[in-house]
PDB file of N, CA and C in Angstrom:
ATOM      1  N   UNK A   1       0.844  -1.180   0.000  1.00  0.00           N
ATOM      2  CA  UNK A   1       0.000   0.000   0.000  1.00  0.00           C
ATOM      3  C   UNK A   1       0.891   1.247   0.000  1.00  0.00           C
ATOM      4  N   UNK A   2       0.573   2.187  -0.838  1.00  0.00           N
ATOM      5  CA  UNK A   2       1.360   3.415  -0.944  1.00  0.00           C
ATOM      6  C   UNK A   2       1.055   4.358   0.212  1.00  0.00           C
ATOM      7  N   UNK A   3       2.057   5.099   0.613  1.00  0.00           N
ATOM      8  CA  UNK A   3       1.876   6.086   1.672  1.00  0.00           C
ATOM      9  C   UNK A   3       1.580   7.449   1.065  1.00  0.00           C
ATOM     10  N   UNK A   4       0.808   8.233   1.786  1.00  0.00           N
ATOM     11  CA  UNK A   4       0.525   9.594   1.338  1.00  0.00           C
ATOM     12  C   UNK A   4       1.730  10.481   1.648  1.00  0.00           C
ATOM     13  N   UNK A   5       1.715  11.664   1.082  1.00  0.00           N
ATOM     14  CA  UNK A   5       2.789  12.628   1.361  1.00  0.00           C
ATOM     15  C   UNK A   5       2.811  12.993   2.838  1.00  0.00           C
ATOM     16  N   UNK A   6       1.630  13.054   3.445  1.00  0.00           N
ATOM     17  CA  UNK A   6       1.539  13.349   4.874  1.00  0.00           C
ATOM     18  C   UNK A   6       2.218  12.252   5.690  1.00  0.00           C
ATOM     19  N   UNK A   7       1.934  11.000   5.362  1.00  0.00           N
ATOM     20  CA  UNK A   7       2.539   9.880   6.089  1.00  0.00           C
ATOM     21  C   UNK A   7       4.057   9.878   5.935  1.00  0.00           C
ATOM     22  N   UNK A   8       4.531  10.176   4.739  1.00  0.00           N
ATOM     23  CA  UNK A   8       5.973  10.230   4.496  1.00  0.00           C
ATOM     24  C   UNK A   8       6.598  11.354   5.320  1.00  0.00           C
ATOM     25  N   UNK A   9       5.971  12.521   5.308  1.00  0.00           N
ATOM     26  CA  UNK A   9       6.487  13.656   6.081  1.00  0.00           C
ATOM     27  C   UNK A   9       6.517  13.325   7.568  1.00  0.00           C
ATOM     28  N   UNK A  10       5.485  12.677   8.074  1.00  0.00           N
ATOM     29  CA  UNK A  10       5.443  12.309   9.490  1.00  0.00           C
ATOM     30  C   UNK A  10       6.496  11.253   9.818  1.00  0.00           C
ATOM     31  N   UNK A  11       6.758  10.328   8.897  1.00  0.00           N
ATOM     32  CA  UNK A  11       7.813   9.338   9.101  1.00  0.00           C
ATOM     33  C   UNK A  11       9.180  10.002   9.174  1.00  0.00           C
ATOM     34  N   UNK A  12       9.414  10.965   8.303  1.00  0.00           N
ATOM     35  CA  UNK A  12      10.693  11.684   8.303  1.00  0.00           C
ATOM     36  C   UNK A  12      10.832  12.517   9.579  1.00  0.00           C
ATOM     37  N   UNK A  13       9.775  13.232   9.957  1.00  0.00           N
ATOM     38  CA  UNK A  13       9.812  14.007  11.200  1.00  0.00           C
ATOM     39  C   UNK A  13      10.051  13.099  12.405  1.00  0.00           C
ATOM     40  N   UNK A  14       9.410  11.947  12.406  1.00  0.00           N
ATOM     41  CA  UNK A  14       9.590  10.999  13.504  1.00  0.00           C
ATOM     42  C   UNK A  14      11.015  10.496  13.590  1.00  0.00           C
ATOM     43  N   UNK A  15      11.620  10.209  12.448  1.00  0.00           N
ATOM     44  CA  UNK A  15      13.007   9.740  12.421  1.00  0.00           C
ATOM     45  C   UNK A  15      13.946  10.808  12.974  1.00  0.00           C
ATOM     46  N   UNK A  16      13.739  12.041  12.549  1.00  0.00           N
ATOM     47  CA  UNK A  16      14.595  13.135  13.018  1.00  0.00           C
ATOM     48  C   UNK A  16      14.346  13.396  14.500  1.00  0.00           C
ATOM     49  N   UNK A  17      13.110  13.328  14.921  1.00  0.00           N
ATOM     50  CA  UNK A  17      12.759  13.530  16.329  1.00  0.00           C
ATOM     51  C   UNK A  17      13.410  12.474  17.223  1.00  0.00           C
ATOM     52  N   UNK A  18      13.590  11.264  16.697  1.00  0.00           N
ATOM     53  CA  UNK A  18      14.211  10.182  17.458  1.00  0.00           C
ATOM     54  C   UNK A  18      15.730  10.252  17.469  1.00  0.00           C
ATOM     55  N   UNK A  19      16.288  11.314  16.888  1.00  0.00           N
ATOM     56  CA  UNK A  19      17.729  11.520  16.956  1.00  0.00           C
ATOM     57  C   UNK A  19      18.498  11.185  15.698  1.00  0.00           C
ATOM     58  N   UNK A  20      17.816  10.766  14.658  1.00  0.00           N
ATOM     59  CA  UNK A  20      18.494  10.466  13.395  1.00  0.00           C
ATOM     60  C   UNK A  20      18.770  11.791  12.695  1.00  0.00           C
ATOM     61  N   UNK A  21      20.053  12.076  12.402  1.00  0.00           N
ATOM     62  CA  UNK A  21      20.424  13.376  11.845  1.00  0.00           C
ATOM     63  C   UNK A  21      20.855  13.321  10.388  1.00  0.00           C
ATOM     64  N   UNK A  22      21.511  12.244   9.989  1.00  0.00           N
ATOM     65  CA  UNK A  22      22.098  12.169   8.658  1.00  0.00           C
ATOM     66  C   UNK A  22      21.055  11.740   7.624  1.00  0.00           C
ATOM     67  N   UNK A  23      21.127  12.318   6.425  1.00  0.00           N
ATOM     68  CA  UNK A  23      20.121  12.021   5.395  1.00  0.00           C
ATOM     69  C   UNK A  23      19.982  10.539   5.069  1.00  0.00           C
ATOM     70  N   UNK A  24      21.087   9.816   4.976  1.00  0.00           N
ATOM     71  CA  UNK A  24      21.007   8.399   4.631  1.00  0.00           C
ATOM     72  C   UNK A  24      20.317   7.615   5.736  1.00  0.00           C
ATOM     73  N   UNK A  25      20.608   7.937   6.973  1.00  0.00           N
ATOM     74  CA  UNK A  25      19.978   7.251   8.104  1.00  0.00           C
ATOM     75  C   UNK A  25      18.487   7.581   8.183  1.00  0.00           C
ATOM     76  N   UNK A  26      18.146   8.823   7.849  1.00  0.00           N
ATOM     77  CA  UNK A  26      16.730   9.220   7.802  1.00  0.00           C
ATOM     78  C   UNK A  26      16.020   8.407   6.729  1.00  0.00           C
ATOM     79  N   UNK A  27      16.671   8.244   5.578  1.00  0.00           N
ATOM     80  CA  UNK A  27      16.108   7.471   4.475  1.00  0.00           C
ATOM     81  C   UNK A  27      15.805   6.036   4.922  1.00  0.00           C
ATOM     82  N   UNK A  28      16.772   5.396   5.595  1.00  0.00           N
ATOM     83  CA  UNK A  28      16.571   4.020   6.056  1.00  0.00           C
ATOM     84  C   UNK A  28      15.483   3.943   7.114  1.00  0.00           C
ATOM     85  N   UNK A  29      15.496   4.879   8.047  1.00  0.00           N
ATOM     86  CA  UNK A  29      14.530   4.871   9.136  1.00  0.00           C
ATOM     87  C   UNK A  29      13.098   5.061   8.624  1.00  0.00           C
ATOM     88  N   UNK A  30      12.931   5.941   7.647  1.00  0.00           N
ATOM     89  CA  UNK A  30      11.600   6.226   7.092  1.00  0.00           C
ATOM     90  C   UNK A  30      11.228   5.271   5.958  1.00  0.00           C
ATOM     91  N   UNK A  31      12.143   4.380   5.594  1.00  0.00           N
ATOM     92  CA  UNK A  31      11.939   3.406   4.520  1.00  0.00           C
ATOM     93  C   UNK A  31      11.531   4.077   3.211  1.00  0.00           C
ATOM     94  N   UNK A  32      12.406   4.970   2.755  1.00  0.00           N
ATOM     95  CA  UNK A  32      12.164   5.725   1.527  1.00  0.00           C
ATOM     96  C   UNK A  32      13.304   5.537   0.542  1.00  0.00           C
ATOM     97  N   UNK A  33      13.067   5.902  -0.695  1.00  0.00           N
ATOM     98  CA  UNK A  33      14.140   5.968  -1.685  1.00  0.00           C
ATOM     99  C   UNK A  33      14.885   7.286  -1.465  1.00  0.00           C
ATOM    100  N   UNK A  34      16.051   7.400  -2.093  1.00  0.00           N
ATOM    101  CA  UNK A  34      16.850   8.620  -1.922  1.00  0.00           C
ATOM    102  C   UNK A  34      16.101   9.839  -2.462  1.00  0.00           C
ATOM    103  N   UNK A  35      15.481   9.721  -3.639  1.00  0.00           N
ATOM    104  CA  UNK A  35      14.754  10.858  -4.228  1.00  0.00           C
ATOM    105  C   UNK A  35      13.584  11.289  -3.350  1.00  0.00           C
ATOM    106  N   UNK A  36      12.842  10.333  -2.835  1.00  0.00           N
ATOM    107  CA  UNK A  36      11.707  10.656  -1.963  1.00  0.00           C
ATOM    108  C   UNK A  36      12.184  11.319  -0.680  1.00  0.00           C
ATOM    109  N   UNK A  37      13.303  10.847  -0.157  1.00  0.00           N
ATOM    110  CA  UNK A  37      13.872  11.435   1.062  1.00  0.00           C
ATOM    111  C   UNK A  37      14.261  12.884   0.812  1.00  0.00           C
ATOM    112  N   UNK A  38      14.931  13.140  -0.302  1.00  0.00           N
ATOM    113  CA  UNK A  38      15.362  14.498  -0.625  1.00  0.00           C
ATOM    114  C   UNK A  38      14.171  15.440  -0.802  1.00  0.00           C
ATOM    115  N   UNK A  39      13.116  14.956  -1.457  1.00  0.00           N
ATOM    116  CA  UNK A  39      11.917  15.777  -1.647  1.00  0.00           C
ATOM    117  C   UNK A  39      11.261  16.093  -0.305  1.00  0.00           C
ATOM    118  N   UNK A  40      11.163  15.083   0.555  1.00  0.00           N
ATOM    119  CA  UNK A  40      10.538  15.289   1.868  1.00  0.00           C
ATOM    120  C   UNK A  40      11.363  16.248   2.720  1.00  0.00           C
ATOM    121  N   UNK A  41      12.679  16.067   2.735  1.00  0.00           N
ATOM    122  CA  UNK A  41      13.543  16.949   3.527  1.00  0.00           C
ATOM    123  C   UNK A  41      13.460  18.391   3.022  1.00  0.00           C
ATOM    124  N   UNK A  42      13.464  18.553   1.722  1.00  0.00           N
ATOM    125  CA  UNK A  42      13.364  19.891   1.136  1.00  0.00           C
ATOM    126  C   UNK A  42      12.037  20.557   1.506  1.00  0.00           C
ATOM    127  N   UNK A  43      10.953  19.816   1.380  1.00  0.00           N
ATOM    128  CA  UNK A  43       9.629  20.351   1.697  1.00  0.00           C
ATOM    129  C   UNK A  43       9.520  20.721   3.182  1.00  0.00           C
ATOM    130  N   UNK A  44       9.983  19.843   4.049  1.00  0.00           N
ATOM    131  CA  UNK A  44       9.915  20.111   5.490  1.00  0.00           C
ATOM    132  C   UNK A  44      10.798  21.300   5.878  1.00  0.00           C
ATOM    133  N   UNK A  45      11.939  21.440   5.204  1.00  0.00           N
ATOM    134  CA  UNK A  45      12.829  22.576   5.477  1.00  0.00           C
ATOM    135  C   UNK A  45      12.171  23.882   5.037  1.00  0.00           C
ATOM    136  N   UNK A  46      11.567  23.891   3.866  1.00  0.00           N
ATOM    137  CA  UNK A  46      10.897  25.096   3.361  1.00  0.00           C
ATOM    138  C   UNK A  46       9.745  25.523   4.263  1.00  0.00           C
ATOM    139  N   UNK A  47       9.087  24.557   4.896  1.00  0.00           N
ATOM    140  CA  UNK A  47       7.960  24.855   5.774  1.00  0.00           C
ATOM    141  C   UNK A  47       8.388  25.186   7.201  1.00  0.00           C
ATOM    142  N   UNK A  48       9.687  25.115   7.459  1.00  0.00           N
ATOM    143  CA  UNK A  48      10.203  25.479   8.774  1.00  0.00           C
ATOM    144  C   UNK A  48      10.030  24.397   9.836  1.00  0.00           C
ATOM    145  N   UNK A  49       9.860  23.154   9.403  1.00  0.00           N
ATOM    146  CA  UNK A  49       9.674  22.067  10.369  1.00  0.00           C
ATOM    147  C   UNK A  49      10.986  21.389  10.753  1.00  0.00           C
ATOM    148  N   UNK A  50      12.009  21.559   9.911  1.00  0.00           N
ATOM    149  CA  UNK A  50      13.331  21.037  10.233  1.00  0.00           C
ATOM    150  C   UNK A  50      14.379  22.076   9.872  1.00  0.00           C
ATOM    151  N   UNK A  51      15.535  21.950  10.509  1.00  0.00           N
ATOM    152  CA  UNK A  51      16.675  22.799  10.196  1.00  0.00           C
ATOM    153  C   UNK A  51      17.705  21.964   9.457  1.00  0.00           C
ATOM    154  N   UNK A  52      18.310  22.545   8.437  1.00  0.00           N
ATOM    155  CA  UNK A  52      19.385  21.889   7.706  1.00  0.00           C
ATOM    156  C   UNK A  52      20.687  22.555   8.136  1.00  0.00           C
ATOM    157  N   UNK A  53      21.563  21.786   8.765  1.00  0.00           N
ATOM    158  CA  UNK A  53      22.805  22.317   9.297  1.00  0.00           C
ATOM    159  C   UNK A  53      23.997  21.732   8.563  1.00  0.00           C
ATOM    160  N   UNK A  54      24.945  22.582   8.145  1.00  0.00           N
ATOM    161  CA  UNK A  54      26.147  22.055   7.484  1.00  0.00           C
ATOM    162  C   UNK A  54      27.070  21.414   8.522  1.00  0.00           C
ATOM    163  N   UNK A  55      27.760  20.370   8.093  1.00  0.00           N
ATOM    164  CA  UNK A  55      28.719  19.687   8.956  1.00  0.00           C
ATOM    165  C   UNK A  55      30.083  19.788   8.296  1.00  0.00           C
ATOM    166  N   UNK A  56      31.037  20.366   9.009  1.00  0.00           N
ATOM    167  CA  UNK A  56      32.395  20.498   8.485  1.00  0.00           C
ATOM    168  C   UNK A  56      33.106  19.162   8.604  1.00  0.00           C
ATOM    169  N   UNK A  57      33.515  18.623   7.450  1.00  0.00           N
ATOM    170  CA  UNK A  57      34.215  17.347   7.440  1.00  0.00           C
ATOM    171  C   UNK A  57      35.225  17.368   6.300  1.00  0.00           C
ATOM    172  N   UNK A  58      36.285  18.135   6.471  1.00  0.00           N
ATOM    173  CA  UNK A  58      37.277  18.250   5.408  1.00  0.00           C
ATOM    174  C   UNK A  58      36.713  18.985   4.220  1.00  0.00           C
ATOM    175  N   UNK A  59      36.882  18.408   3.041  1.00  0.00           N
ATOM    176  CA  UNK A  59      36.436  19.053   1.811  1.00  0.00           C
ATOM    177  C   UNK A  59      35.016  18.680   1.412  1.00  0.00           C
ATOM    178  N   UNK A  60      34.479  17.618   1.996  1.00  0.00           N
ATOM    179  CA  UNK A  60      33.135  17.185   1.605  1.00  0.00           C
ATOM    180  C   UNK A  60      32.077  18.009   2.318  1.00  0.00           C
ATOM    181  N   UNK A  61      31.021  18.314   1.578  1.00  0.00           N
ATOM    182  CA  UNK A  61      29.895  19.051   2.152  1.00  0.00           C
ATOM    183  C   UNK A  61      28.878  18.041   2.655  1.00  0.00           C
ATOM    184  N   UNK A  62      28.656  18.050   3.933  1.00  0.00           N
ATOM    185  CA  UNK A  62      27.674  17.149   4.518  1.00  0.00           C
ATOM    186  C   UNK A  62      26.641  17.978   5.261  1.00  0.00           C
ATOM    187  N   UNK A  63      25.484  17.358   5.497  1.00  0.00           N
ATOM    188  CA  UNK A  63      24.413  18.053   6.204  1.00  0.00           C
ATOM    189  C   UNK A  63      23.865  17.151   7.288  1.00  0.00           C
ATOM    190  N   UNK A  64      23.288  17.795   8.267  1.00  0.00           N
ATOM    191  CA  UNK A  64      22.517  17.050   9.254  1.00  0.00           C
ATOM    192  C   UNK A  64      21.235  17.838   9.494  1.00  0.00           C
ATOM    193  N   UNK A  65      20.254  17.174  10.057  1.00  0.00           N
ATOM    194  CA  UNK A  65      18.941  17.787  10.221  1.00  0.00           C
ATOM    195  C   UNK A  65      18.499  17.727  11.672  1.00  0.00           C
ATOM    196  N   UNK A  66      17.802  18.769  12.083  1.00  0.00           N
ATOM    197  CA  UNK A  66      17.208  18.836  13.420  1.00  0.00           C
ATOM    198  C   UNK A  66      15.762  19.284  13.270  1.00  0.00           C
ATOM    199  N   UNK A  67      14.924  18.760  14.130  1.00  0.00           N
ATOM    200  CA  UNK A  67      13.510  19.134  14.097  1.00  0.00           C
ATOM    201  C   UNK A  67      13.324  20.448  14.857  1.00  0.00           C
ATOM    202  N   UNK A  68      12.444  21.295  14.353  1.00  0.00           N
ATOM    203  CA  UNK A  68      12.155  22.567  15.019  1.00  0.00           C
ATOM    204  C   UNK A  68      10.954  22.388  15.952  1.00  0.00           C
ATOM    205  N   UNK A  69      10.652  23.428  16.694  1.00  0.00           N
ATOM    206  CA  UNK A  69       9.486  23.390  17.579  1.00  0.00           C
ATOM    207  C   UNK A  69       8.200  23.200  16.766  1.00  0.00           C
ATOM    208  N   UNK A  70       8.139  23.854  15.613  1.00  0.00           N
ATOM    209  CA  UNK A  70       6.980  23.700  14.732  1.00  0.00           C
ATOM    210  C   UNK A  70       6.841  22.242  14.285  1.00  0.00           C
ATOM    211  N   UNK A  71       7.934  21.621  13.912  1.00  0.00           N
ATOM    212  CA  UNK A  71       7.918  20.223  13.506  1.00  0.00           C
ATOM    213  C   UNK A  71       7.489  19.303  14.639  1.00  0.00           C
ATOM    214  N   UNK A  72       7.976  19.579  15.854  1.00  0.00           N
ATOM    215  CA  UNK A  72       7.575  18.787  17.030  1.00  0.00           C
ATOM    216  C   UNK A  72       6.076  18.921  17.276  1.00  0.00           C
ATOM    217  N   UNK A  73       5.559  20.141  17.142  1.00  0.00           N
ATOM    218  CA  UNK A  73       4.130  20.371  17.344  1.00  0.00           C
ATOM    219  C   UNK A  73       3.285  19.611  16.326  1.00  0.00           C
ATOM    220  N   UNK A  74       3.710  19.624  15.072  1.00  0.00           N
ATOM    221  CA  UNK A  74       2.987  18.907  14.021  1.00  0.00           C
ATOM    222  C   UNK A  74       2.995  17.406  14.309  1.00  0.00           C
ATOM    223  N   UNK A  75       4.144  16.888  14.696  1.00  0.00           N
ATOM    224  CA  UNK A  75       4.265  15.464  14.989  1.00  0.00           C
ATOM    225  C   UNK A  75       3.380  15.066  16.169  1.00  0.00           C
ATOM    226  N   UNK A  76       3.386  15.864  17.216  1.00  0.00           N
ATOM    227  CA  UNK A  76       2.533  15.595  18.390  1.00  0.00           C
ATOM    228  C   UNK A  76       1.055  15.642  18.019  1.00  0.00           C
ATOM    229  N   UNK A  77       0.679  16.640  17.238  1.00  0.00           N
ATOM    230  CA  UNK A  77      -0.722  16.800  16.826  1.00  0.00           C
ATOM    231  C   UNK A  77      -1.220  15.565  16.089  1.00  0.00           C
ATOM    232  N   UNK A  78      -0.453  15.091  15.123  1.00  0.00           N
ATOM    233  CA  UNK A  78      -0.903  13.950  14.333  1.00  0.00           C
ATOM    234  C   UNK A  78      -0.838  12.641  15.112  1.00  0.00           C
ATOM    235  N   UNK A  79       0.076  12.524  16.050  1.00  0.00           N
ATOM    236  CA  UNK A  79       0.103  11.328  16.898  1.00  0.00           C
ATOM    237  C   UNK A  79      -1.139  11.283  17.783  1.00  0.00           C
ATOM    238  N   UNK A  80      -1.527  12.449  18.321  1.00  0.00           N
ATOM    239  CA  UNK A  80      -2.738  12.507  19.148  1.00  0.00           C
ATOM    240  C   UNK A  80      -3.984  12.199  18.326  1.00  0.00           C
ATOM    241  N   UNK A  81      -4.065  12.748  17.126  1.00  0.00           N
ATOM    242  CA  UNK A  81      -5.249  12.525  16.291  1.00  0.00           C
ATOM    243  C   UNK A  81      -5.314  11.050  15.843  1.00  0.00           C
ATOM    244  N   UNK A  82      -4.168  10.437  15.632  1.00  0.00           N
ATOM    245  CA  UNK A  82      -4.140   9.026  15.265  1.00  0.00           C
ATOM    246  C   UNK A  82      -4.702   8.167  16.397  1.00  0.00           C
ATOM    247  N   UNK A  83      -4.369   8.514  17.636  1.00  0.00           N
ATOM    248  CA  UNK A  83      -4.894   7.770  18.795  1.00  0.00           C
ATOM    249  C   UNK A  83      -6.398   7.953  18.928  1.00  0.00           C
ATOM    250  N   UNK A  84      -6.881   9.159  18.650  1.00  0.00           N
ATOM    251  CA  UNK A  84      -8.317   9.417  18.745  1.00  0.00           C
ATOM    252  C   UNK A  84      -9.122   8.641  17.703  1.00  0.00           C
ATOM    253  N   UNK A  85      -8.561   8.520  16.509  1.00  0.00           N
ATOM    254  CA  UNK A  85      -9.268   7.845  15.422  1.00  0.00           C
ATOM    255  C   UNK A  85      -9.172   6.326  15.516  1.00  0.00           C
ATOM    256  N   UNK A  86      -8.169   5.831  16.198  1.00  0.00           N
ATOM    257  CA  UNK A  86      -7.938   4.383  16.318  1.00  0.00           C
ATOM    258  C   UNK A  86      -7.992   3.703  14.963  1.00  0.00           C
ATOM    259  N   UNK A  87      -7.164   4.173  14.058  1.00  0.00           N
ATOM    260  CA  UNK A  87      -7.090   3.620  12.701  1.00  0.00           C
ATOM    261  C   UNK A  87      -6.402   2.264  12.750  1.00  0.00           C
ATOM    262  N   UNK A  88      -6.962   1.316  12.019  1.00  0.00           N
ATOM    263  CA  UNK A  88      -6.381  -0.030  11.989  1.00  0.00           C
ATOM    264  C   UNK A  88      -5.244  -0.101  11.018  1.00  0.00           C
TER     265      UNK A  88
END
């Protein structure tokens, strides 16, 4: 069964909220392809739900991600609504 964009965004937010910072680890945790992960991270960053932070590691450009207060609020809201609906 395919996931909606909302479900994918919530999976990515959940992964980052649980301490996963690196894009590849977020991809594995959310069970996404690389392209889907990049689209979700970009969308969440534009909406202010996550922060994209550069990581200095020699000459390579790396990034890590942190969830913002707005992202935490969205994640909490949907977790509460999921419990209320008791979706199977």
